Amino acid sequence: MKYLPIESKLFVDNRSRFTEKILPNSLAVFNSNDIMPSNADGTLPFKQNSDLFYLCGIDQEETILLLYPDALDENDREILFIKKTNEHIAVWEGYKYTKDHAKEASGISNVQWLEDFEQTFRKLALKTQRIYVNTNEHLRANVEVQTRDARFIEWCKSKYPAHAYERSNPIMHTIRMVKSPLEITQIQIACDITEKGFRRVLEFVKPGVFEYEIEAEFIHEFIRNRSNGFAYHPIIASGANACVLHYIENNRECEDGDLILFDVGAEYANYNADMTRTIPVNGRYTDRQKQVYNAVLAVKEFAKELLKPGITIPEYHKQVGLEMEKYLLELKLIDNQDIKGQDPNWPAYKKYFMHGTSHHLGLDVHDYGHVDAKLEGGMVFTVEPGIYIPEENIGIRIEDDYVVNENGSPTNLMENIPIEVDEIESIMNK
């Protein structure tokens, strides 16, 4: 791993938060992700299962975590199973966790080789009443490939059909919503690396560069600062491309007079940043571009002040929409007749601001969180309003990442990243 070791206390505390919410005499099992094949003998880059990483910090394939908090033998309450390495693996694949390294990283004293899992699991399963299995229940999930967790569930139910089965994911949604200080530290590092990439790009962009060249500048700066790369596929969208919300081709030449919308973030230690900025290719916003940009910035500042304990995300989005409506009226993009005749399920402002304003952020870019839950201190959210005017070739979105505080305004993890018109123009023209 490129990132520096994380204090194991994070994972010890996370396991405690999980086990205190499961039913008595229960066994919980979490599996790593697979290394996914591509073609021939190729594989895709490995990405750890975020639930497993959250609970033990092990960033390696073929890993299983077993939790049995009511076990009479303390050694059976937490067991970590890892892939057994050998000289052949060391030569061809490089370093794998040793038992000692896995103990240090996870804070789990009982580390076993994966080959011993079935025997150990049987010994403990026969003592329990129920088994917690892990599934991906994210609202946006579209799972078409069978995961190691899914294969385990099939195997387990065939071997132990008389057990009661429970779902771990609702608990994970609850506990992962609120980030600990150690987690926020990792997200802050990801945001700081993202800042370095953006400042580099501000000095690089000029008429005639291609979007993919800008993408290359970001990835260079990210990796040289211990990031594994982009937190998600980057959006480098110039001109009309900025009005395509998930534009990822990044292959157009940036022309004089265009705006470029960057939606990028660095990943660090499996935690993610999520930033959006919109800059002028030639280093100067036109009056109209500046007018729209400042409207989006004003809505963002309004929205972030709503991120306080007690409000729900649906209530929050409703208030942000009403604020955006005011600015779209000022920009003469909609009028009062549009508002009067609007469909309540698709308000008039949605023509130019069609997406949500915020989402949870953490180990997943669109992180876990119950939709109707009230905000609490320690939650981390993006704030990303935008205005998209295809007829004017203007697409502007601005996004920062915030920590909700128990009292007062949220903390902006991207407060050092240039955002004001004057600051961006000054850097681009120095």
Protein backbone atom coordinates (compact mmCIF):
# COMPACT_ATOMS: atom_id res chain seq x y z
CA MET A 1 0.00 0.00 0.00
CA LYS A 2 1.20 3.51 -0.77
CA TYR A 3 -0.52 5.09 2.23
CA LEU A 4 0.95 5.29 5.72
CA PRO A 5 -0.31 2.82 8.36
CA ILE A 6 -3.55 3.72 10.14
CA GLU A 7 -3.72 3.43 13.92
CA SER A 8 -5.42 0.09 14.71
CA LYS A 9 -7.58 1.80 17.35
CA LEU A 10 -9.84 2.92 14.48
CA PHE A 11 -10.70 -0.67 13.60
CA VAL A 12 -10.90 -1.86 17.21
CA ASP A 13 -13.47 0.86 17.93
CA ASN A 14 -15.39 0.12 14.72
CA ARG A 15 -15.73 -3.56 15.62
CA SER A 16 -17.00 -2.59 19.06
CA ARG A 17 -19.62 -0.31 17.49
CA PHE A 18 -20.78 -3.17 15.28
CA THR A 19 -20.85 -5.97 17.84
CA GLU A 20 -22.78 -3.95 20.41
CA LYS A 21 -25.68 -3.79 17.92
CA ILE A 22 -26.00 -7.47 17.00
CA LEU A 23 -28.33 -9.91 18.76
CA PRO A 24 -27.04 -12.20 21.53
CA ASN A 25 -25.19 -15.42 20.66
CA SER A 26 -24.58 -14.35 17.06
CA LEU A 27 -21.74 -14.95 14.65
CA ALA A 28 -20.94 -12.34 11.96
CA VAL A 29 -18.84 -12.94 8.86
CA PHE A 30 -17.30 -10.42 6.43
CA ASN A 31 -15.44 -11.31 3.24
CA SER A 32 -12.94 -9.36 1.17
CA ASN A 33 -13.63 -8.48 -2.43
CA ASP A 34 -12.32 -10.62 -5.26
CA ILE A 35 -9.53 -9.70 -7.62
CA MET A 36 -11.63 -9.33 -10.77
CA PRO A 37 -10.45 -10.78 -14.10
CA SER A 38 -10.25 -8.74 -17.29
CA ASN A 39 -9.15 -10.80 -20.32
CA ALA A 40 -6.54 -13.48 -20.99
CA ASP A 41 -4.55 -13.67 -17.74
CA GLY A 42 -5.18 -10.03 -16.81
CA THR A 43 -6.86 -8.66 -13.69
CA LEU A 44 -8.35 -5.35 -12.65
CA PRO A 45 -6.78 -3.38 -9.79
CA PHE A 46 -7.86 -4.77 -6.42
CA LYS A 47 -10.31 -2.71 -4.37
CA GLN A 48 -11.04 -3.90 -0.85
CA ASN A 49 -14.58 -4.41 0.43
CA SER A 50 -15.26 -1.23 2.37
CA ASP A 51 -17.17 -3.00 5.18
CA LEU A 52 -14.31 -5.43 5.79
CA PHE A 53 -11.74 -2.63 5.71
CA TYR A 54 -13.85 -0.54 8.10
CA LEU A 55 -13.82 -3.39 10.63
CA CYS A 56 -10.23 -4.64 10.40
CA GLY A 57 -8.09 -2.44 8.14
CA ILE A 58 -6.77 -5.36 6.09
CA ASP A 59 -6.22 -4.30 2.49
CA GLN A 60 -5.70 -7.69 0.83
CA GLU A 61 -7.71 -10.24 -1.14
CA GLU A 62 -8.82 -13.60 0.29
CA THR A 63 -9.49 -12.24 3.77
CA ILE A 64 -12.33 -13.18 6.13
CA LEU A 65 -13.31 -11.53 9.41
CA LEU A 66 -15.30 -13.54 11.94
CA LEU A 67 -16.91 -11.83 14.97
CA TYR A 68 -18.48 -13.80 17.84
CA PRO A 69 -18.66 -11.38 20.78
CA ASP A 70 -20.44 -13.82 23.16
CA ALA A 71 -17.89 -16.61 22.77
CA LEU A 72 -16.83 -18.07 26.12
CA ASP A 73 -13.24 -18.26 24.93
CA GLU A 74 -11.91 -14.72 24.41
CA ASN A 75 -9.73 -15.95 21.54
CA ASP A 76 -12.88 -16.84 19.57
CA ARG A 77 -14.49 -13.40 19.80
CA GLU A 78 -12.52 -11.93 16.92
CA ILE A 79 -10.75 -14.07 14.34
CA LEU A 80 -9.06 -12.84 11.19
CA PHE A 81 -8.30 -15.23 8.35
CA ILE A 82 -5.70 -14.22 5.75
CA LYS A 83 -4.11 -15.79 2.69
CA LYS A 84 -1.12 -17.96 3.53
CA THR A 85 1.90 -16.73 1.66
CA ASN A 86 4.86 -18.76 0.39
CA GLU A 87 8.06 -18.34 -1.59
CA HIS A 88 6.27 -18.67 -4.94
CA ILE A 89 3.76 -15.93 -4.07
CA ALA A 90 6.57 -13.76 -2.71
CA VAL A 91 8.46 -14.01 -6.01
CA TRP A 92 5.52 -13.50 -8.35
CA GLU A 93 3.18 -11.19 -6.38
CA GLY A 94 5.35 -9.65 -3.69
CA TYR A 95 4.61 -9.03 -0.06
CA LYS A 96 1.49 -10.40 1.64
CA TYR A 97 0.43 -9.89 5.26
CA THR A 98 2.16 -12.02 7.83
CA LYS A 99 0.20 -12.97 10.93
CA ASP A 100 2.16 -10.43 12.98
CA HIS A 101 1.58 -7.65 10.46
CA ALA A 102 -2.14 -8.46 10.31
CA LYS A 103 -2.35 -8.38 14.12
CA GLU A 104 -0.64 -4.99 14.18
CA ALA A 105 -2.82 -3.51 11.43
CA SER A 106 -6.17 -4.82 12.73
CA GLY A 107 -5.74 -5.01 16.48
CA ILE A 108 -6.98 -8.63 16.32
CA SER A 109 -4.85 -11.07 18.31
CA ASN A 110 -6.21 -14.29 16.77
CA VAL A 111 -5.03 -14.39 13.15
CA GLN A 112 -5.27 -17.66 11.23
CA TRP A 113 -4.58 -18.84 7.71
CA LEU A 114 -7.56 -18.92 5.39
CA GLU A 115 -7.21 -22.68 4.90
CA ASP A 116 -8.33 -23.15 8.52
CA PHE A 117 -11.56 -21.16 8.14
CA GLU A 118 -14.07 -23.95 7.56
CA GLN A 119 -12.95 -26.00 10.54
CA THR A 120 -12.93 -22.99 12.88
CA PHE A 121 -16.23 -21.69 11.53
CA ARG A 122 -17.93 -25.05 12.07
CA LYS A 123 -16.72 -25.22 15.66
CA LEU A 124 -18.23 -21.81 16.42
CA ALA A 125 -21.34 -21.97 14.23
CA LEU A 126 -22.59 -25.04 16.08
CA LYS A 127 -22.60 -22.97 19.29
CA THR A 128 -24.59 -20.05 17.89
CA GLN A 129 -28.24 -19.41 17.15
CA ARG A 130 -27.83 -16.97 14.27
CA ILE A 131 -25.36 -15.87 11.65
CA TYR A 132 -25.00 -12.30 10.36
CA VAL A 133 -24.13 -12.20 6.66
CA ASN A 134 -23.03 -9.17 4.67
CA THR A 135 -24.75 -7.87 1.56
CA ASN A 136 -24.50 -4.71 -0.53
CA GLU A 137 -27.72 -2.81 0.18
CA HIS A 138 -26.71 0.63 -1.06
CA LEU A 139 -29.68 2.32 -2.75
CA ARG A 140 -27.64 2.90 -5.92
CA ALA A 141 -26.07 -0.55 -6.02
CA ASN A 142 -26.46 -2.61 -9.19
CA VAL A 143 -24.72 -5.89 -8.39
CA GLU A 144 -24.49 -8.22 -11.40
CA VAL A 145 -21.29 -10.08 -10.46
CA GLN A 146 -21.42 -12.57 -7.61
CA THR A 147 -19.23 -11.43 -4.74
CA ARG A 148 -17.30 -13.49 -2.19
CA ASP A 149 -19.94 -12.48 0.39
CA ALA A 150 -22.70 -13.79 -1.90
CA ARG A 151 -20.87 -17.08 -2.49
CA PHE A 152 -20.32 -17.43 1.24
CA ILE A 153 -24.03 -16.93 1.93
CA GLU A 154 -24.94 -19.70 -0.51
CA TRP A 155 -22.32 -22.03 1.02
CA CYS A 156 -23.28 -21.20 4.59
CA LYS A 157 -27.02 -21.73 4.11
CA SER A 158 -26.38 -25.06 2.43
CA LYS A 159 -24.15 -26.22 5.29
CA TYR A 160 -26.15 -24.67 8.16
CA PRO A 161 -29.79 -24.44 6.97
CA ALA A 162 -31.32 -24.53 10.45
CA HIS A 163 -29.58 -21.38 11.70
CA ALA A 164 -31.35 -18.04 11.80
CA TYR A 165 -29.81 -15.50 9.43
CA GLU A 166 -29.55 -11.75 9.93
CA ARG A 167 -28.29 -8.88 7.74
CA SER A 168 -25.21 -6.92 8.76
CA ASN A 169 -25.72 -4.12 6.28
CA PRO A 170 -28.42 -2.14 8.15
CA ILE A 171 -26.04 -1.95 11.10
CA MET A 172 -23.16 -0.92 8.82
CA HIS A 173 -25.34 1.84 7.35
CA THR A 174 -25.99 3.15 10.85
CA ILE A 175 -22.44 3.06 12.24
CA ARG A 176 -20.64 4.16 9.08
CA MET A 177 -22.78 7.31 8.79
CA VAL A 178 -20.89 8.97 11.65
CA LYS A 179 -17.13 9.24 11.18
CA SER A 180 -14.61 9.04 13.99
CA PRO A 181 -11.78 11.61 14.26
CA LEU A 182 -9.35 9.03 12.83
CA GLU A 183 -11.57 8.56 9.78
CA ILE A 184 -11.92 12.30 9.27
CA THR A 185 -8.13 12.55 9.34
CA GLN A 186 -7.88 10.13 6.40
CA ILE A 187 -10.54 12.05 4.44
CA GLN A 188 -8.70 15.29 5.16
CA ILE A 189 -5.50 13.83 3.70
CA ALA A 190 -7.42 12.82 0.56
CA CYS A 191 -8.79 16.39 0.33
CA ASP A 192 -5.30 17.88 0.80
CA ILE A 193 -3.94 15.72 -2.02
CA THR A 194 -6.85 16.82 -4.19
CA GLU A 195 -5.91 20.43 -3.47
CA LYS A 196 -2.37 19.82 -4.69
CA GLY A 197 -3.70 18.35 -7.91
CA PHE A 198 -6.05 21.28 -8.51
CA ARG A 199 -3.37 23.91 -7.89
CA ARG A 200 -1.11 22.10 -10.36
CA VAL A 201 -3.88 22.10 -12.97
CA LEU A 202 -4.64 25.80 -12.48
CA GLU A 203 -1.12 26.61 -13.64
CA PHE A 204 -1.27 24.09 -16.51
CA VAL A 205 -4.56 24.90 -18.24
CA LYS A 206 -4.58 27.13 -21.32
CA PRO A 207 -6.36 27.15 -24.70
CA GLY A 208 -5.39 24.16 -26.79
CA VAL A 209 -4.79 21.59 -24.05
CA PHE A 210 -6.86 18.43 -24.17
CA GLU A 211 -9.06 17.19 -21.36
CA TYR A 212 -7.03 14.00 -21.07
CA GLU A 213 -3.85 16.03 -20.55
CA ILE A 214 -5.50 17.68 -17.56
CA GLU A 215 -6.54 14.27 -16.26
CA ALA A 216 -2.88 13.22 -16.50
CA GLU A 217 -1.78 16.24 -14.45
CA PHE A 218 -4.19 15.29 -11.67
CA ILE A 219 -3.16 11.62 -11.52
CA HIS A 220 0.53 12.55 -11.51
CA GLU A 221 0.09 14.78 -8.49
CA PHE A 222 -2.18 12.32 -6.70
CA ILE A 223 0.15 9.33 -6.96
CA ARG A 224 3.25 11.30 -6.03
CA ASN A 225 1.46 12.13 -2.75
CA ARG A 226 0.73 8.50 -1.75
CA SER A 227 -2.72 8.27 -3.29
CA ASN A 228 -3.69 5.14 -5.22
CA GLY A 229 -5.25 7.49 -7.77
CA PHE A 230 -8.70 8.85 -8.45
CA ALA A 231 -11.48 8.15 -5.97
CA TYR A 232 -13.81 7.71 -8.97
CA HIS A 233 -13.59 8.12 -12.72
CA PRO A 234 -12.68 11.80 -13.19
CA ILE A 235 -14.88 14.25 -15.06
CA ILE A 236 -12.84 16.78 -17.07
CA ALA A 237 -15.59 18.51 -19.03
CA SER A 238 -14.97 21.58 -21.18
CA GLY A 239 -17.52 23.64 -23.08
CA ALA A 240 -20.81 21.83 -23.72
CA ASN A 241 -19.43 18.68 -22.08
CA ALA A 242 -19.91 20.37 -18.70
CA CYS A 243 -23.68 20.03 -19.17
CA VAL A 244 -23.36 16.22 -19.26
CA LEU A 245 -23.45 15.23 -15.60
CA HIS A 246 -21.42 12.03 -15.91
CA TYR A 247 -19.19 12.92 -18.84
CA ILE A 248 -16.03 10.79 -18.60
CA GLU A 249 -14.60 10.62 -22.13
CA ASN A 250 -12.17 13.46 -21.37
CA ASN A 251 -11.01 13.68 -24.99
CA ARG A 252 -11.94 17.18 -26.20
CA GLU A 253 -9.62 20.09 -26.89
CA CYS A 254 -10.22 23.00 -24.50
CA GLU A 255 -10.98 26.16 -26.45
CA ASP A 256 -10.54 29.83 -25.70
CA GLY A 257 -13.68 31.15 -24.00
CA ASP A 258 -14.76 27.75 -22.66
CA LEU A 259 -15.27 26.78 -19.07
CA ILE A 260 -13.90 23.48 -17.75
CA LEU A 261 -15.75 21.59 -15.03
CA PHE A 262 -13.52 19.30 -12.94
CA ASP A 263 -15.25 16.70 -10.79
CA VAL A 264 -12.30 14.80 -9.31
CA GLY A 265 -11.05 13.51 -5.98
CA ALA A 266 -8.07 11.65 -4.65
CA GLU A 267 -8.35 8.38 -2.76
CA TYR A 268 -6.12 7.87 0.27
CA ALA A 269 -6.07 4.76 2.48
CA ASN A 270 -9.39 3.74 0.90
CA TYR A 271 -10.99 7.04 2.01
CA ASN A 272 -12.17 9.49 -0.63
CA ALA A 273 -12.30 13.15 -1.50
CA ASP A 274 -14.90 14.56 -3.88
CA MET A 275 -14.26 18.01 -5.33
CA THR A 276 -15.78 20.02 -8.17
CA ARG A 277 -14.46 23.30 -9.55
CA THR A 278 -15.24 25.15 -12.77
CA ILE A 279 -12.54 27.36 -14.30
CA PRO A 280 -12.09 29.40 -17.51
CA VAL A 281 -9.75 27.90 -20.12
CA ASN A 282 -8.14 31.27 -20.83
CA GLY A 283 -7.87 32.31 -17.19
CA ARG A 284 -10.67 34.92 -17.25
CA TYR A 285 -14.38 34.41 -16.68
CA THR A 286 -16.74 36.36 -18.94
CA ASP A 287 -19.30 38.55 -17.19
CA ARG A 288 -22.04 35.98 -17.82
CA GLN A 289 -19.88 33.08 -16.67
CA LYS A 290 -18.98 35.01 -13.54
CA GLN A 291 -22.64 35.81 -12.91
CA VAL A 292 -23.66 32.15 -13.08
CA TYR A 293 -20.59 31.01 -11.12
CA ASN A 294 -21.29 33.39 -8.24
CA ALA A 295 -24.92 32.25 -8.16
CA VAL A 296 -23.81 28.62 -7.74
CA LEU A 297 -21.27 29.65 -5.09
CA ALA A 298 -23.97 31.54 -3.17
CA VAL A 299 -26.25 28.49 -3.19
CA LYS A 300 -23.37 26.34 -1.95
CA GLU A 301 -22.71 28.73 0.94
CA PHE A 302 -26.43 28.70 1.79
CA ALA A 303 -26.58 24.90 1.61
CA LYS A 304 -23.59 24.21 3.85
CA GLU A 305 -25.13 26.27 6.65
CA LEU A 306 -28.08 23.86 6.65
CA LEU A 307 -25.79 20.93 7.48
CA LYS A 308 -26.54 20.87 11.18
CA PRO A 309 -27.84 18.17 13.53
CA GLY A 310 -31.58 17.61 13.34
CA ILE A 311 -32.30 18.21 9.66
CA THR A 312 -32.96 15.32 7.27
CA ILE A 313 -31.56 15.06 3.75
CA PRO A 314 -35.02 15.34 2.07
CA GLU A 315 -35.75 18.53 4.07
CA TYR A 316 -32.29 19.84 3.23
CA HIS A 317 -32.67 19.24 -0.51
CA LYS A 318 -36.06 20.95 -0.50
CA GLN A 319 -34.66 24.12 1.10
CA VAL A 320 -31.66 24.18 -1.26
CA GLY A 321 -34.01 23.86 -4.24
CA LEU A 322 -36.03 26.87 -3.11
CA GLU A 323 -32.82 28.90 -2.74
CA MET A 324 -31.66 27.86 -6.22
CA GLU A 325 -35.04 28.98 -7.57
CA LYS A 326 -34.31 32.56 -6.43
CA TYR A 327 -31.02 32.69 -8.32
CA LEU A 328 -32.44 31.16 -11.48
CA LEU A 329 -35.05 33.93 -11.45
CA GLU A 330 -32.28 36.53 -11.14
CA LEU A 331 -30.40 34.90 -14.02
CA LYS A 332 -33.62 35.03 -16.08
CA LEU A 333 -33.46 31.31 -16.72
CA ILE A 334 -36.94 30.76 -15.29
CA ASP A 335 -39.80 33.12 -14.51
CA ASN A 336 -42.74 33.24 -12.13
CA GLN A 337 -45.02 31.61 -14.69
CA ASP A 338 -42.68 28.63 -14.83
CA ILE A 339 -42.90 28.34 -11.05
CA LYS A 340 -46.66 28.81 -10.98
CA GLY A 341 -47.23 26.02 -13.50
CA GLN A 342 -44.54 23.64 -12.27
CA ASP A 343 -44.99 19.96 -11.51
CA PRO A 344 -44.47 19.62 -7.73
CA ASN A 345 -42.55 16.39 -8.38
CA TRP A 346 -40.22 18.16 -10.83
CA PRO A 347 -39.98 21.85 -9.88
CA ALA A 348 -39.05 24.48 -12.46
CA TYR A 349 -35.53 24.86 -11.06
CA LYS A 350 -34.82 21.22 -12.00
CA LYS A 351 -34.48 22.26 -15.65
CA TYR A 352 -31.12 23.84 -14.78
CA PHE A 353 -30.26 22.05 -11.51
CA MET A 354 -31.40 18.46 -11.89
CA HIS A 355 -29.33 16.57 -9.31
CA GLY A 356 -29.15 16.42 -5.54
CA THR A 357 -26.93 18.72 -3.50
CA SER A 358 -25.24 16.35 -1.08
CA HIS A 359 -24.33 12.77 -0.30
CA HIS A 360 -22.43 10.97 2.47
CA LEU A 361 -18.69 10.60 1.86
CA GLY A 362 -16.15 8.19 3.33
CA LEU A 363 -14.84 4.75 2.40
CA ASP A 364 -17.26 4.90 -0.53
CA VAL A 365 -17.68 8.08 -2.54
CA HIS A 366 -21.44 7.69 -2.19
CA ASP A 367 -21.07 6.41 1.34
CA TYR A 368 -23.54 4.60 3.57
CA GLY A 369 -26.32 6.50 5.28
CA HIS A 370 -30.02 6.08 5.96
CA VAL A 371 -31.88 8.51 3.71
CA ASP A 372 -34.39 9.67 6.33
CA ALA A 373 -32.00 9.79 9.27
CA LYS A 374 -31.45 13.14 10.96
CA LEU A 375 -27.98 14.63 10.62
CA GLU A 376 -25.56 14.10 13.49
CA GLY A 377 -22.19 15.52 14.41
CA GLY A 378 -19.38 13.62 12.68
CA MET A 379 -21.24 12.92 9.46
CA VAL A 380 -19.34 13.92 6.30
CA PHE A 381 -21.18 15.31 3.29
CA THR A 382 -20.43 16.82 -0.06
CA VAL A 383 -22.14 20.09 -1.00
CA GLU A 384 -22.36 20.40 -4.78
CA PRO A 385 -24.98 22.64 -6.38
CA GLY A 386 -24.75 23.38 -10.08
CA ILE A 387 -26.36 25.31 -12.93
CA TYR A 388 -26.32 23.83 -16.43
CA ILE A 389 -27.32 25.95 -19.44
CA PRO A 390 -26.77 23.91 -22.64
CA GLU A 391 -28.01 26.74 -24.85
CA GLU A 392 -25.17 28.93 -23.56
CA ASN A 393 -22.49 26.19 -23.35
CA ILE A 394 -22.28 26.88 -19.62
CA GLY A 395 -22.12 24.12 -17.02
CA ILE A 396 -20.97 25.15 -13.55
CA ARG A 397 -20.79 22.99 -10.44
CA ILE A 398 -18.89 23.75 -7.24
CA GLU A 399 -18.30 21.13 -4.55
CA ASP A 400 -16.61 20.91 -1.18
CA ASP A 401 -16.60 18.24 1.55
CA TYR A 402 -17.92 19.08 5.03
CA VAL A 403 -17.99 17.56 8.51
CA VAL A 404 -21.20 18.19 10.45
CA ASN A 405 -20.50 19.66 13.90
CA GLU A 406 -22.66 19.34 17.01
CA ASN A 407 -22.71 23.12 17.31
CA GLY A 408 -22.21 25.80 14.69
CA SER A 409 -21.29 25.65 11.02
CA PRO A 410 -19.80 22.51 9.48
CA THR A 411 -16.07 22.17 8.96
CA ASN A 412 -14.95 22.52 5.36
CA LEU A 413 -12.28 19.90 4.63
CA MET A 414 -11.50 21.78 1.39
CA GLU A 415 -11.27 25.27 2.80
CA ASN A 416 -7.77 25.73 1.35
CA ILE A 417 -8.76 24.84 -2.21
CA PRO A 418 -9.22 27.96 -4.38
CA ILE A 419 -12.88 28.67 -5.03
CA GLU A 420 -13.48 32.42 -5.45
CA VAL A 421 -13.40 33.92 -8.96
CA ASP A 422 -10.61 36.38 -8.14
CA GLU A 423 -8.38 33.73 -6.55
CA ILE A 424 -8.76 31.32 -9.47
CA GLU A 425 -8.04 34.07 -12.03
CA SER A 426 -5.05 35.28 -10.04
CA ILE A 427 -3.42 31.83 -9.90
CA MET A 428 -4.10 31.17 -13.58
CA ASN A 429 -2.58 34.48 -14.64
CA LYS A 430 0.40 34.84 -12.33
